[in-house]
N, C-alpha and C. Protein backbone atom coordinates (compact mmCIF):
# COMPACT_ATOMS: atom_id res chain seq x y z
N MET A 1 -29.10 -118.90 14.44
CA MET A 1 -29.77 -118.07 13.44
C MET A 1 -30.32 -116.82 14.11
N THR A 2 -30.16 -115.68 13.44
CA THR A 2 -30.67 -114.43 13.98
C THR A 2 -32.16 -114.33 13.73
N THR A 3 -32.92 -113.96 14.71
CA THR A 3 -34.36 -113.81 14.58
C THR A 3 -34.74 -112.35 14.77
N SER A 4 -36.00 -112.05 14.48
CA SER A 4 -36.46 -110.67 14.65
C SER A 4 -36.42 -110.25 16.10
N ASP A 5 -36.45 -111.24 17.03
CA ASP A 5 -36.40 -110.90 18.45
C ASP A 5 -35.05 -110.33 18.86
N ASP A 6 -34.01 -110.57 18.01
CA ASP A 6 -32.68 -110.07 18.33
C ASP A 6 -32.52 -108.59 18.02
N ALA A 7 -33.39 -108.03 17.21
CA ALA A 7 -33.23 -106.65 16.76
C ALA A 7 -33.19 -105.65 17.90
N PRO A 8 -34.13 -105.73 18.87
CA PRO A 8 -34.05 -104.75 19.97
C PRO A 8 -32.75 -104.85 20.74
N ALA A 9 -32.24 -106.09 20.94
CA ALA A 9 -30.99 -106.25 21.67
C ALA A 9 -29.84 -105.62 20.91
N ARG A 10 -29.79 -105.81 19.59
CA ARG A 10 -28.73 -105.20 18.79
C ARG A 10 -28.82 -103.69 18.86
N ALA A 11 -30.03 -103.15 18.77
CA ALA A 11 -30.20 -101.70 18.81
C ALA A 11 -29.77 -101.15 20.16
N ALA A 12 -30.14 -101.89 21.25
CA ALA A 12 -29.78 -101.42 22.58
C ALA A 12 -28.28 -101.43 22.78
N ALA A 13 -27.59 -102.35 22.10
CA ALA A 13 -26.15 -102.47 22.28
C ALA A 13 -25.36 -101.44 21.47
N SER A 14 -26.01 -100.78 20.54
CA SER A 14 -25.30 -99.82 19.70
C SER A 14 -24.83 -98.63 20.52
N PRO A 15 -23.58 -98.18 20.32
CA PRO A 15 -23.11 -97.01 21.05
C PRO A 15 -23.57 -95.70 20.42
N TRP A 16 -24.30 -95.76 19.32
CA TRP A 16 -24.63 -94.58 18.54
C TRP A 16 -26.11 -94.20 18.63
N ALA A 17 -26.36 -92.90 18.64
CA ALA A 17 -27.69 -92.34 18.43
C ALA A 17 -27.53 -91.37 17.26
N GLY A 18 -27.79 -91.87 16.06
CA GLY A 18 -27.40 -91.12 14.88
C GLY A 18 -25.89 -91.01 14.85
N GLY A 19 -25.38 -89.81 14.64
CA GLY A 19 -23.95 -89.60 14.61
C GLY A 19 -23.36 -89.20 15.94
N TRP A 20 -24.13 -89.36 17.02
CA TRP A 20 -23.67 -89.01 18.37
C TRP A 20 -23.34 -90.27 19.16
N HIS A 21 -22.20 -90.25 19.84
CA HIS A 21 -21.77 -91.40 20.62
C HIS A 21 -22.37 -91.33 22.02
N GLY A 22 -22.94 -92.43 22.46
CA GLY A 22 -23.68 -92.44 23.70
C GLY A 22 -22.84 -92.27 24.95
N SER A 23 -21.53 -92.54 24.86
CA SER A 23 -20.68 -92.43 26.05
C SER A 23 -20.05 -91.05 26.22
N ALA A 24 -20.26 -90.18 25.28
CA ALA A 24 -19.61 -88.86 25.30
C ALA A 24 -20.49 -87.82 25.97
N THR A 25 -19.85 -86.89 26.66
CA THR A 25 -20.54 -85.68 27.10
C THR A 25 -20.77 -84.83 25.86
N ARG A 26 -22.01 -84.48 25.62
CA ARG A 26 -22.38 -83.83 24.35
C ARG A 26 -22.48 -82.32 24.49
N ARG A 27 -21.77 -81.63 23.62
CA ARG A 27 -21.90 -80.20 23.44
C ARG A 27 -21.92 -79.94 21.93
N THR A 28 -22.84 -79.14 21.47
CA THR A 28 -22.97 -78.93 20.02
C THR A 28 -22.24 -77.65 19.63
N SER A 29 -21.11 -77.82 18.96
CA SER A 29 -20.32 -76.67 18.52
C SER A 29 -21.00 -75.99 17.33
N PRO A 30 -20.95 -74.66 17.28
CA PRO A 30 -21.45 -73.97 16.10
C PRO A 30 -20.52 -74.11 14.91
N ASN A 31 -19.32 -74.62 15.14
CA ASN A 31 -18.31 -74.71 14.08
C ASN A 31 -18.42 -76.06 13.38
N GLN A 32 -19.36 -76.14 12.47
CA GLN A 32 -19.62 -77.37 11.75
C GLN A 32 -20.34 -77.03 10.45
N ALA A 33 -20.43 -78.02 9.58
CA ALA A 33 -21.10 -77.82 8.29
C ALA A 33 -21.54 -79.18 7.77
N MET A 34 -22.36 -79.14 6.75
CA MET A 34 -22.72 -80.38 6.08
C MET A 34 -21.51 -80.93 5.34
N ARG A 35 -21.43 -82.23 5.25
CA ARG A 35 -20.41 -82.83 4.38
C ARG A 35 -20.82 -82.60 2.93
N PRO A 36 -19.85 -82.64 2.00
CA PRO A 36 -20.18 -82.38 0.60
C PRO A 36 -21.20 -83.39 0.06
N VAL A 37 -21.95 -82.94 -0.92
CA VAL A 37 -22.91 -83.81 -1.60
C VAL A 37 -22.53 -83.87 -3.07
N PRO A 38 -22.39 -85.07 -3.66
CA PRO A 38 -22.51 -86.36 -2.98
C PRO A 38 -21.32 -86.58 -2.06
N PRO A 39 -21.55 -87.27 -0.94
CA PRO A 39 -20.48 -87.41 0.05
C PRO A 39 -19.42 -88.42 -0.37
N ALA A 40 -18.18 -88.14 -0.02
CA ALA A 40 -17.14 -89.15 -0.12
C ALA A 40 -17.26 -90.08 1.08
N SER A 41 -16.70 -91.24 0.97
CA SER A 41 -16.74 -92.20 2.07
C SER A 41 -15.97 -91.65 3.27
N VAL A 42 -16.59 -91.67 4.44
CA VAL A 42 -15.93 -91.24 5.67
C VAL A 42 -15.06 -92.41 6.13
N ASP A 43 -13.82 -92.42 5.66
CA ASP A 43 -12.95 -93.58 5.88
C ASP A 43 -11.67 -93.24 6.62
N LEU A 44 -11.58 -92.02 7.18
CA LEU A 44 -10.35 -91.55 7.82
C LEU A 44 -10.64 -91.02 9.22
N ILE A 45 -9.80 -91.43 10.18
CA ILE A 45 -9.77 -90.83 11.51
C ILE A 45 -8.50 -90.01 11.61
N VAL A 46 -8.63 -88.75 12.01
CA VAL A 46 -7.47 -87.87 12.18
C VAL A 46 -7.29 -87.59 13.67
N LEU A 47 -6.10 -87.89 14.18
CA LEU A 47 -5.78 -87.68 15.58
C LEU A 47 -4.99 -86.38 15.77
N HIS A 48 -5.34 -85.64 16.80
CA HIS A 48 -4.71 -84.36 17.13
C HIS A 48 -4.30 -84.37 18.60
N SER A 49 -3.52 -83.36 18.97
CA SER A 49 -3.31 -83.08 20.39
C SER A 49 -3.55 -81.59 20.62
N ILE A 50 -4.05 -81.27 21.81
CA ILE A 50 -4.38 -79.89 22.11
C ILE A 50 -4.33 -79.67 23.62
N SER A 51 -3.91 -78.50 24.03
CA SER A 51 -4.00 -78.07 25.43
C SER A 51 -4.05 -76.55 25.43
N LEU A 52 -4.87 -76.02 26.32
CA LEU A 52 -5.01 -74.57 26.45
C LEU A 52 -5.10 -74.21 27.93
N PRO A 53 -4.21 -73.29 28.37
CA PRO A 53 -2.99 -72.84 27.68
C PRO A 53 -2.07 -74.02 27.39
N SER A 54 -1.11 -73.80 26.52
CA SER A 54 -0.23 -74.87 26.09
C SER A 54 0.45 -75.55 27.28
N GLY A 55 0.29 -76.87 27.37
CA GLY A 55 0.90 -77.63 28.45
C GLY A 55 0.12 -77.67 29.73
N GLU A 56 -1.05 -77.01 29.76
CA GLU A 56 -1.91 -77.03 30.94
C GLU A 56 -3.15 -77.85 30.62
N PHE A 57 -3.55 -78.70 31.56
CA PHE A 57 -4.62 -79.64 31.32
C PHE A 57 -5.79 -79.41 32.29
N GLY A 58 -6.97 -79.80 31.84
CA GLY A 58 -8.15 -79.73 32.69
C GLY A 58 -8.65 -78.33 32.96
N THR A 59 -8.31 -77.39 32.11
CA THR A 59 -8.71 -76.00 32.34
C THR A 59 -10.13 -75.69 31.83
N GLY A 60 -10.66 -76.55 30.97
CA GLY A 60 -11.95 -76.26 30.34
C GLY A 60 -11.85 -75.37 29.13
N ALA A 61 -10.66 -74.87 28.83
CA ALA A 61 -10.49 -73.92 27.74
C ALA A 61 -10.67 -74.57 26.38
N VAL A 62 -10.30 -75.84 26.25
CA VAL A 62 -10.50 -76.52 24.96
C VAL A 62 -11.99 -76.58 24.62
N GLN A 63 -12.78 -76.97 25.61
CA GLN A 63 -14.23 -77.02 25.39
C GLN A 63 -14.75 -75.63 25.02
N GLN A 64 -14.25 -74.61 25.70
CA GLN A 64 -14.69 -73.25 25.39
C GLN A 64 -14.28 -72.84 23.98
N LEU A 65 -13.08 -73.24 23.55
CA LEU A 65 -12.64 -72.92 22.20
C LEU A 65 -13.59 -73.50 21.17
N PHE A 66 -13.96 -74.75 21.34
CA PHE A 66 -14.83 -75.40 20.36
C PHE A 66 -16.25 -74.84 20.39
N MET A 67 -16.63 -74.21 21.49
CA MET A 67 -17.97 -73.64 21.62
C MET A 67 -17.99 -72.14 21.33
N ASN A 68 -16.83 -71.57 20.96
CA ASN A 68 -16.71 -70.13 20.68
C ASN A 68 -17.01 -69.28 21.92
N THR A 69 -16.67 -69.82 23.10
CA THR A 69 -16.89 -69.05 24.33
C THR A 69 -15.59 -68.76 25.07
N LEU A 70 -14.44 -69.04 24.44
CA LEU A 70 -13.15 -68.80 25.09
C LEU A 70 -12.91 -67.31 25.27
N ASP A 71 -12.49 -66.92 26.46
CA ASP A 71 -12.11 -65.53 26.74
C ASP A 71 -10.70 -65.32 26.20
N TRP A 72 -10.59 -64.61 25.10
CA TRP A 72 -9.30 -64.43 24.44
C TRP A 72 -8.30 -63.68 25.30
N ASP A 73 -8.78 -62.94 26.28
CA ASP A 73 -7.89 -62.16 27.14
C ASP A 73 -7.52 -62.88 28.43
N ALA A 74 -7.95 -64.14 28.57
CA ALA A 74 -7.70 -64.88 29.80
C ALA A 74 -6.25 -65.34 29.92
N HIS A 75 -5.54 -65.42 28.80
CA HIS A 75 -4.14 -65.85 28.83
C HIS A 75 -3.42 -65.23 27.64
N PRO A 76 -2.20 -64.73 27.82
CA PRO A 76 -1.49 -64.08 26.71
C PRO A 76 -1.34 -64.96 25.47
N SER A 77 -1.20 -66.27 25.65
CA SER A 77 -0.98 -67.15 24.51
C SER A 77 -2.20 -67.24 23.60
N TYR A 78 -3.37 -66.87 24.12
CA TYR A 78 -4.58 -66.98 23.30
C TYR A 78 -4.61 -65.95 22.17
N GLN A 79 -3.74 -64.95 22.25
CA GLN A 79 -3.74 -63.94 21.19
C GLN A 79 -3.35 -64.54 19.84
N SER A 80 -2.56 -65.61 19.86
CA SER A 80 -2.12 -66.23 18.59
C SER A 80 -3.24 -67.00 17.91
N ILE A 81 -4.31 -67.31 18.65
CA ILE A 81 -5.44 -68.03 18.05
C ILE A 81 -6.72 -67.21 18.13
N ARG A 82 -6.59 -65.96 18.49
CA ARG A 82 -7.75 -65.10 18.71
C ARG A 82 -8.68 -65.11 17.49
N GLY A 83 -9.94 -65.36 17.76
CA GLY A 83 -10.94 -65.33 16.70
C GLY A 83 -11.06 -66.61 15.89
N GLN A 84 -10.22 -67.59 16.13
CA GLN A 84 -10.31 -68.83 15.37
C GLN A 84 -11.61 -69.56 15.69
N ARG A 85 -12.19 -70.14 14.65
CA ARG A 85 -13.42 -70.92 14.80
C ARG A 85 -13.08 -72.36 14.39
N VAL A 86 -12.91 -73.20 15.37
CA VAL A 86 -12.48 -74.58 15.12
C VAL A 86 -13.34 -75.53 15.94
N SER A 87 -13.24 -76.80 15.60
CA SER A 87 -13.95 -77.84 16.34
C SER A 87 -13.33 -79.18 16.00
N ALA A 88 -13.68 -80.17 16.75
CA ALA A 88 -13.37 -81.56 16.42
C ALA A 88 -14.62 -82.36 16.77
N HIS A 89 -14.73 -83.54 16.21
CA HIS A 89 -15.86 -84.37 16.59
C HIS A 89 -15.73 -84.78 18.06
N PHE A 90 -14.51 -85.17 18.46
CA PHE A 90 -14.31 -85.69 19.82
C PHE A 90 -13.11 -85.04 20.49
N PHE A 91 -13.15 -85.01 21.82
CA PHE A 91 -12.05 -84.55 22.65
C PHE A 91 -11.91 -85.53 23.81
N ILE A 92 -10.69 -86.06 24.00
CA ILE A 92 -10.43 -87.02 25.07
C ILE A 92 -9.50 -86.37 26.09
N GLN A 93 -10.00 -86.18 27.31
CA GLN A 93 -9.20 -85.57 28.37
C GLN A 93 -8.15 -86.53 28.90
N ARG A 94 -7.23 -86.01 29.70
CA ARG A 94 -6.17 -86.85 30.30
C ARG A 94 -6.77 -87.97 31.13
N SER A 95 -7.90 -87.75 31.73
CA SER A 95 -8.58 -88.75 32.55
C SER A 95 -9.22 -89.85 31.73
N GLY A 96 -9.32 -89.64 30.42
CA GLY A 96 -10.03 -90.56 29.55
C GLY A 96 -11.46 -90.14 29.29
N ALA A 97 -11.93 -89.08 29.94
CA ALA A 97 -13.29 -88.60 29.72
C ALA A 97 -13.47 -88.18 28.27
N LEU A 98 -14.61 -88.53 27.71
CA LEU A 98 -14.88 -88.31 26.30
C LEU A 98 -15.94 -87.23 26.11
N TRP A 99 -15.64 -86.28 25.24
CA TRP A 99 -16.57 -85.22 24.86
C TRP A 99 -16.82 -85.31 23.35
N GLN A 100 -18.03 -84.93 22.93
CA GLN A 100 -18.32 -84.83 21.50
C GLN A 100 -18.95 -83.48 21.20
N PHE A 101 -18.46 -82.85 20.14
CA PHE A 101 -18.89 -81.50 19.79
C PHE A 101 -19.59 -81.40 18.44
N VAL A 102 -19.41 -82.40 17.59
CA VAL A 102 -20.01 -82.38 16.27
C VAL A 102 -20.54 -83.77 15.94
N ASP A 103 -21.75 -83.84 15.45
CA ASP A 103 -22.32 -85.07 14.92
C ASP A 103 -21.38 -85.65 13.86
N CYS A 104 -21.05 -86.92 13.97
CA CYS A 104 -20.08 -87.50 13.04
C CYS A 104 -20.60 -87.57 11.60
N ASP A 105 -21.89 -87.40 11.42
CA ASP A 105 -22.41 -87.34 10.06
C ASP A 105 -22.14 -85.98 9.42
N LEU A 106 -21.67 -85.02 10.23
CA LEU A 106 -21.40 -83.67 9.76
C LEU A 106 -19.90 -83.41 9.71
N ARG A 107 -19.55 -82.29 9.15
CA ARG A 107 -18.15 -81.88 8.93
C ARG A 107 -17.68 -81.00 10.08
N ALA A 108 -16.68 -81.46 10.82
CA ALA A 108 -16.06 -80.62 11.85
C ALA A 108 -14.88 -79.87 11.23
N TRP A 109 -14.41 -78.84 11.94
CA TRP A 109 -13.35 -77.97 11.41
C TRP A 109 -12.06 -78.23 12.19
N HIS A 110 -11.38 -79.30 11.85
CA HIS A 110 -10.22 -79.73 12.63
C HIS A 110 -8.94 -79.87 11.82
N ALA A 111 -9.03 -80.23 10.54
CA ALA A 111 -7.82 -80.55 9.77
C ALA A 111 -7.26 -79.37 9.00
N GLY A 112 -8.10 -78.40 8.64
CA GLY A 112 -7.62 -77.27 7.84
C GLY A 112 -7.14 -77.70 6.47
N ARG A 113 -6.17 -76.97 5.94
CA ARG A 113 -5.58 -77.34 4.65
C ARG A 113 -4.91 -78.70 4.81
N SER A 114 -5.33 -79.68 4.05
CA SER A 114 -4.87 -81.04 4.30
C SER A 114 -5.08 -81.92 3.08
N SER A 115 -4.35 -83.03 3.09
CA SER A 115 -4.47 -84.01 2.02
C SER A 115 -3.96 -85.35 2.53
N TYR A 116 -4.69 -86.42 2.16
CA TYR A 116 -4.28 -87.76 2.59
C TYR A 116 -4.95 -88.79 1.71
N ARG A 117 -4.34 -89.91 1.53
CA ARG A 117 -4.78 -91.04 0.71
C ARG A 117 -5.32 -90.61 -0.65
N GLY A 118 -4.63 -89.58 -1.22
CA GLY A 118 -4.97 -89.12 -2.55
C GLY A 118 -6.14 -88.16 -2.62
N ARG A 119 -6.64 -87.71 -1.46
CA ARG A 119 -7.75 -86.77 -1.45
C ARG A 119 -7.40 -85.57 -0.58
N GLY A 120 -7.83 -84.40 -1.01
CA GLY A 120 -7.61 -83.19 -0.25
C GLY A 120 -8.79 -82.89 0.65
N GLU A 121 -8.70 -81.77 1.38
CA GLU A 121 -9.79 -81.30 2.24
C GLU A 121 -10.28 -82.42 3.16
N CYS A 122 -9.41 -82.85 4.05
CA CYS A 122 -9.71 -84.00 4.90
C CYS A 122 -10.92 -83.78 5.80
N ASN A 123 -11.26 -82.54 6.10
CA ASN A 123 -12.46 -82.31 6.91
C ASN A 123 -13.71 -82.89 6.25
N ASP A 124 -13.70 -82.96 4.91
CA ASP A 124 -14.89 -83.39 4.19
C ASP A 124 -15.26 -84.83 4.49
N ASP A 125 -14.26 -85.68 4.75
CA ASP A 125 -14.56 -87.12 4.83
C ASP A 125 -13.76 -87.80 5.94
N SER A 126 -13.56 -87.09 7.04
CA SER A 126 -12.83 -87.66 8.17
C SER A 126 -13.58 -87.37 9.46
N ILE A 127 -13.14 -88.06 10.50
CA ILE A 127 -13.61 -87.81 11.87
C ILE A 127 -12.40 -87.38 12.69
N GLY A 128 -12.50 -86.24 13.33
CA GLY A 128 -11.39 -85.67 14.08
C GLY A 128 -11.49 -85.95 15.57
N ILE A 129 -10.39 -86.44 16.14
CA ILE A 129 -10.32 -86.73 17.57
C ILE A 129 -9.15 -85.95 18.18
N GLU A 130 -9.44 -85.09 19.12
CA GLU A 130 -8.42 -84.33 19.83
C GLU A 130 -8.10 -85.03 21.15
N LEU A 131 -6.81 -85.23 21.39
CA LEU A 131 -6.33 -85.77 22.66
C LEU A 131 -5.74 -84.64 23.48
N GLU A 132 -6.16 -84.52 24.73
CA GLU A 132 -5.59 -83.48 25.58
C GLU A 132 -4.13 -83.81 25.84
N GLY A 133 -3.25 -82.96 25.35
CA GLY A 133 -1.83 -83.22 25.49
C GLY A 133 -1.02 -82.19 24.74
N LEU A 134 0.27 -82.39 24.76
CA LEU A 134 1.21 -81.47 24.12
C LEU A 134 2.04 -82.27 23.13
N GLU A 135 2.11 -81.80 21.89
CA GLU A 135 2.82 -82.55 20.86
C GLU A 135 4.25 -82.85 21.29
N GLY A 136 4.64 -84.11 21.10
CA GLY A 136 5.96 -84.55 21.50
C GLY A 136 6.02 -85.20 22.85
N LEU A 137 5.00 -84.96 23.71
CA LEU A 137 4.97 -85.56 25.03
C LEU A 137 4.03 -86.76 25.06
N TYR A 138 4.08 -87.51 26.14
CA TYR A 138 3.31 -88.74 26.24
C TYR A 138 1.83 -88.46 26.49
N PHE A 139 1.03 -89.51 26.29
CA PHE A 139 -0.39 -89.46 26.60
C PHE A 139 -0.70 -90.52 27.66
N GLU A 140 -1.80 -90.33 28.36
CA GLU A 140 -2.13 -91.17 29.50
C GLU A 140 -2.76 -92.50 29.07
N PRO A 141 -2.52 -93.57 29.86
CA PRO A 141 -3.16 -94.86 29.56
C PRO A 141 -4.67 -94.75 29.42
N ALA A 142 -5.30 -93.93 30.25
CA ALA A 142 -6.76 -93.78 30.17
C ALA A 142 -7.18 -93.20 28.83
N GLN A 143 -6.35 -92.34 28.26
CA GLN A 143 -6.68 -91.78 26.95
C GLN A 143 -6.60 -92.84 25.85
N TYR A 144 -5.59 -93.70 25.93
CA TYR A 144 -5.50 -94.78 24.95
C TYR A 144 -6.70 -95.72 25.06
N ARG A 145 -7.11 -96.02 26.28
CA ARG A 145 -8.25 -96.92 26.44
C ARG A 145 -9.50 -96.33 25.81
N THR A 146 -9.76 -95.06 26.08
CA THR A 146 -10.92 -94.41 25.49
C THR A 146 -10.79 -94.33 23.98
N LEU A 147 -9.59 -94.02 23.50
CA LEU A 147 -9.37 -93.90 22.07
C LEU A 147 -9.60 -95.22 21.35
N VAL A 148 -9.11 -96.30 21.91
CA VAL A 148 -9.29 -97.61 21.28
C VAL A 148 -10.78 -97.96 21.19
N THR A 149 -11.49 -97.79 22.28
CA THR A 149 -12.92 -98.07 22.26
C THR A 149 -13.64 -97.19 21.25
N LEU A 150 -13.28 -95.92 21.23
CA LEU A 150 -13.93 -94.99 20.31
C LEU A 150 -13.64 -95.36 18.86
N CYS A 151 -12.40 -95.67 18.53
CA CYS A 151 -12.07 -96.05 17.16
C CYS A 151 -12.84 -97.30 16.73
N ARG A 152 -12.94 -98.27 17.62
CA ARG A 152 -13.71 -99.47 17.30
C ARG A 152 -15.17 -99.13 17.04
N ASP A 153 -15.71 -98.26 17.88
CA ASP A 153 -17.11 -97.88 17.71
C ASP A 153 -17.32 -97.10 16.42
N ILE A 154 -16.39 -96.21 16.10
CA ILE A 154 -16.50 -95.45 14.85
C ILE A 154 -16.50 -96.40 13.66
N ALA A 155 -15.66 -97.44 13.73
CA ALA A 155 -15.57 -98.40 12.63
C ALA A 155 -16.83 -99.26 12.50
N LEU A 156 -17.67 -99.30 13.53
CA LEU A 156 -18.95 -99.99 13.42
C LEU A 156 -19.92 -99.22 12.55
N ARG A 157 -19.75 -97.90 12.50
CA ARG A 157 -20.72 -97.05 11.79
C ARG A 157 -20.19 -96.52 10.46
N TYR A 158 -18.86 -96.36 10.37
CA TYR A 158 -18.25 -95.77 9.18
C TYR A 158 -17.18 -96.71 8.63
N PRO A 159 -16.95 -96.71 7.32
CA PRO A 159 -16.00 -97.66 6.70
C PRO A 159 -14.54 -97.20 6.85
N ILE A 160 -14.06 -97.18 8.07
CA ILE A 160 -12.72 -96.64 8.35
C ILE A 160 -11.65 -97.52 7.73
N GLU A 161 -10.79 -96.89 6.95
CA GLU A 161 -9.66 -97.58 6.31
C GLU A 161 -8.32 -96.95 6.67
N HIS A 162 -8.35 -95.77 7.30
CA HIS A 162 -7.11 -95.04 7.57
C HIS A 162 -7.21 -94.33 8.92
N VAL A 163 -6.09 -94.34 9.65
CA VAL A 163 -5.94 -93.55 10.88
C VAL A 163 -4.62 -92.78 10.73
N ALA A 164 -4.67 -91.47 10.87
CA ALA A 164 -3.48 -90.65 10.69
C ALA A 164 -3.47 -89.52 11.70
N GLY A 165 -2.31 -88.92 11.88
CA GLY A 165 -2.19 -87.75 12.73
C GLY A 165 -2.35 -86.48 11.91
N HIS A 166 -2.60 -85.39 12.61
CA HIS A 166 -2.65 -84.08 11.94
C HIS A 166 -1.34 -83.83 11.20
N GLU A 167 -0.26 -84.30 11.78
CA GLU A 167 1.06 -84.14 11.17
C GLU A 167 1.18 -84.86 9.84
N HIS A 168 0.36 -85.89 9.62
CA HIS A 168 0.41 -86.65 8.38
C HIS A 168 -0.48 -86.07 7.29
N VAL A 169 -1.58 -85.44 7.70
CA VAL A 169 -2.49 -84.87 6.70
C VAL A 169 -2.13 -83.42 6.38
N ALA A 170 -1.33 -82.79 7.24
CA ALA A 170 -0.87 -81.42 7.00
C ALA A 170 0.62 -81.33 7.32
N PRO A 171 1.46 -82.12 6.64
CA PRO A 171 2.89 -82.15 6.96
C PRO A 171 3.55 -80.80 6.73
N GLY A 172 4.43 -80.44 7.65
CA GLY A 172 5.12 -79.16 7.56
C GLY A 172 4.34 -78.03 8.19
N ARG A 173 3.04 -78.19 8.29
CA ARG A 173 2.20 -77.16 8.90
C ARG A 173 1.81 -77.53 10.32
N LYS A 174 1.62 -78.82 10.57
CA LYS A 174 1.22 -79.30 11.88
C LYS A 174 2.16 -80.41 12.33
N GLN A 175 2.33 -80.55 13.65
CA GLN A 175 3.23 -81.57 14.20
C GLN A 175 2.53 -82.45 15.24
N ASP A 176 1.22 -82.37 15.35
CA ASP A 176 0.53 -83.15 16.38
C ASP A 176 -0.08 -84.43 15.78
N PRO A 177 -0.25 -85.47 16.58
CA PRO A 177 0.00 -85.51 18.03
C PRO A 177 1.47 -85.61 18.41
N GLY A 178 2.35 -85.88 17.44
CA GLY A 178 3.78 -85.80 17.73
C GLY A 178 4.41 -87.10 18.15
N ALA A 179 5.71 -87.00 18.44
CA ALA A 179 6.52 -88.19 18.72
C ALA A 179 6.12 -88.90 20.00
N GLY A 180 5.40 -88.24 20.89
CA GLY A 180 4.99 -88.88 22.13
C GLY A 180 3.80 -89.80 21.99
N PHE A 181 3.17 -89.78 20.81
CA PHE A 181 2.02 -90.65 20.61
C PHE A 181 2.49 -92.04 20.21
N ASP A 182 1.95 -93.06 20.86
CA ASP A 182 2.38 -94.44 20.65
C ASP A 182 1.50 -95.12 19.61
N TRP A 183 1.91 -94.99 18.34
CA TRP A 183 1.15 -95.61 17.25
C TRP A 183 1.15 -97.12 17.37
N ALA A 184 2.27 -97.69 17.81
CA ALA A 184 2.36 -99.14 17.95
C ALA A 184 1.33 -99.65 18.96
N GLN A 185 1.19 -98.93 20.06
CA GLN A 185 0.22 -99.34 21.07
C GLN A 185 -1.19 -99.29 20.50
N LEU A 186 -1.50 -98.24 19.75
CA LEU A 186 -2.84 -98.12 19.18
C LEU A 186 -3.12 -99.24 18.19
N GLN A 187 -2.18 -99.49 17.29
CA GLN A 187 -2.38 -100.54 16.29
C GLN A 187 -2.51 -101.90 16.94
N HIS A 188 -1.68 -102.17 17.94
CA HIS A 188 -1.72 -103.46 18.62
C HIS A 188 -3.05 -103.64 19.34
N ALA A 189 -3.54 -102.61 20.01
CA ALA A 189 -4.79 -102.72 20.74
C ALA A 189 -5.99 -102.87 19.81
N LEU A 190 -5.97 -102.16 18.70
CA LEU A 190 -7.07 -102.27 17.74
C LEU A 190 -6.99 -103.56 16.92
N ASP A 191 -5.76 -104.06 16.73
CA ASP A 191 -5.52 -105.22 15.88
C ASP A 191 -6.02 -104.96 14.46
N TRP A 192 -5.77 -103.75 13.98
CA TRP A 192 -6.10 -103.38 12.61
C TRP A 192 -4.86 -103.55 11.74
N PRO A 193 -5.01 -103.77 10.44
CA PRO A 193 -3.85 -103.94 9.56
C PRO A 193 -2.92 -102.73 9.59
N ARG A 194 -1.63 -103.01 9.44
CA ARG A 194 -0.64 -101.93 9.44
C ARG A 194 -0.90 -100.91 8.35
N CYS A 195 -1.47 -101.35 7.24
CA CYS A 195 -1.68 -100.44 6.10
C CYS A 195 -2.68 -99.35 6.42
N ARG A 196 -3.41 -99.46 7.51
CA ARG A 196 -4.36 -98.40 7.88
C ARG A 196 -3.66 -97.22 8.55
N PHE A 197 -2.40 -97.39 8.90
CA PHE A 197 -1.67 -96.38 9.65
C PHE A 197 -0.63 -95.69 8.77
N PRO A 198 -0.16 -94.50 9.14
CA PRO A 198 0.80 -93.78 8.30
C PRO A 198 2.07 -94.60 8.09
N PRO A 199 2.66 -94.53 6.90
CA PRO A 199 3.87 -95.31 6.62
C PRO A 199 4.99 -95.08 7.61
N ASP A 200 5.22 -93.83 8.00
CA ASP A 200 6.32 -93.56 8.93
C ASP A 200 6.02 -94.08 10.32
N ALA A 201 4.72 -94.15 10.67
CA ALA A 201 4.34 -94.73 11.95
C ALA A 201 4.44 -96.25 11.90
N CYS A 202 4.17 -96.81 10.73
CA CYS A 202 4.16 -98.27 10.60
C CYS A 202 5.54 -98.88 10.83
N SER A 203 6.59 -98.10 10.65
CA SER A 203 7.92 -98.65 10.87
C SER A 203 8.13 -99.02 12.32
N ALA A 204 7.33 -98.40 13.20
CA ALA A 204 7.44 -98.69 14.63
C ALA A 204 6.28 -99.57 15.12
N VAL A 205 5.41 -99.97 14.17
CA VAL A 205 4.23 -100.72 14.55
C VAL A 205 4.49 -102.21 14.41
N ARG A 206 4.01 -102.98 15.38
CA ARG A 206 4.17 -104.42 15.31
C ARG A 206 3.25 -105.00 14.26
């Protein structure tokens, strides 16, 4: 039987401090907003891939992008995204290191024009996770380990019913995380029902 003496232990074991994850390096992006009122259920995790410059890892440029401190003239490829104001709730580096830029109770700017599970504007009721990588290429085992733990922790606080890629919520406009992402591995590690994953990904899911 649970007693009142168990409450401090349960609180101490929680990975959350409000909408901030305790294991993440915290940086507060200015690119955020309140979720709509009344709020829809935050029941979707959207997975992305990102690298700046494209195909280069560990440069710190992704963090700078989310903080609006990226030097647009530091690389020619940045001209195509010059002035963009974007963010994600989380960023997972190739090493598995976890960063958080937006309180999960708030709206991050990661999905753009999007629609999924019969609802549009996925930023309103989703949590965005960026994986350091290049769409179509593989991701590191350390990233999957961090991602699995993070998804489980998110599901402790939010009623997650769906996990999708940017390519699924914005088809034709986005292609990340791409064919190199192992949906089967994620589903198997989480042991979540297949129906929580995109139909086209489920064909490869055990």
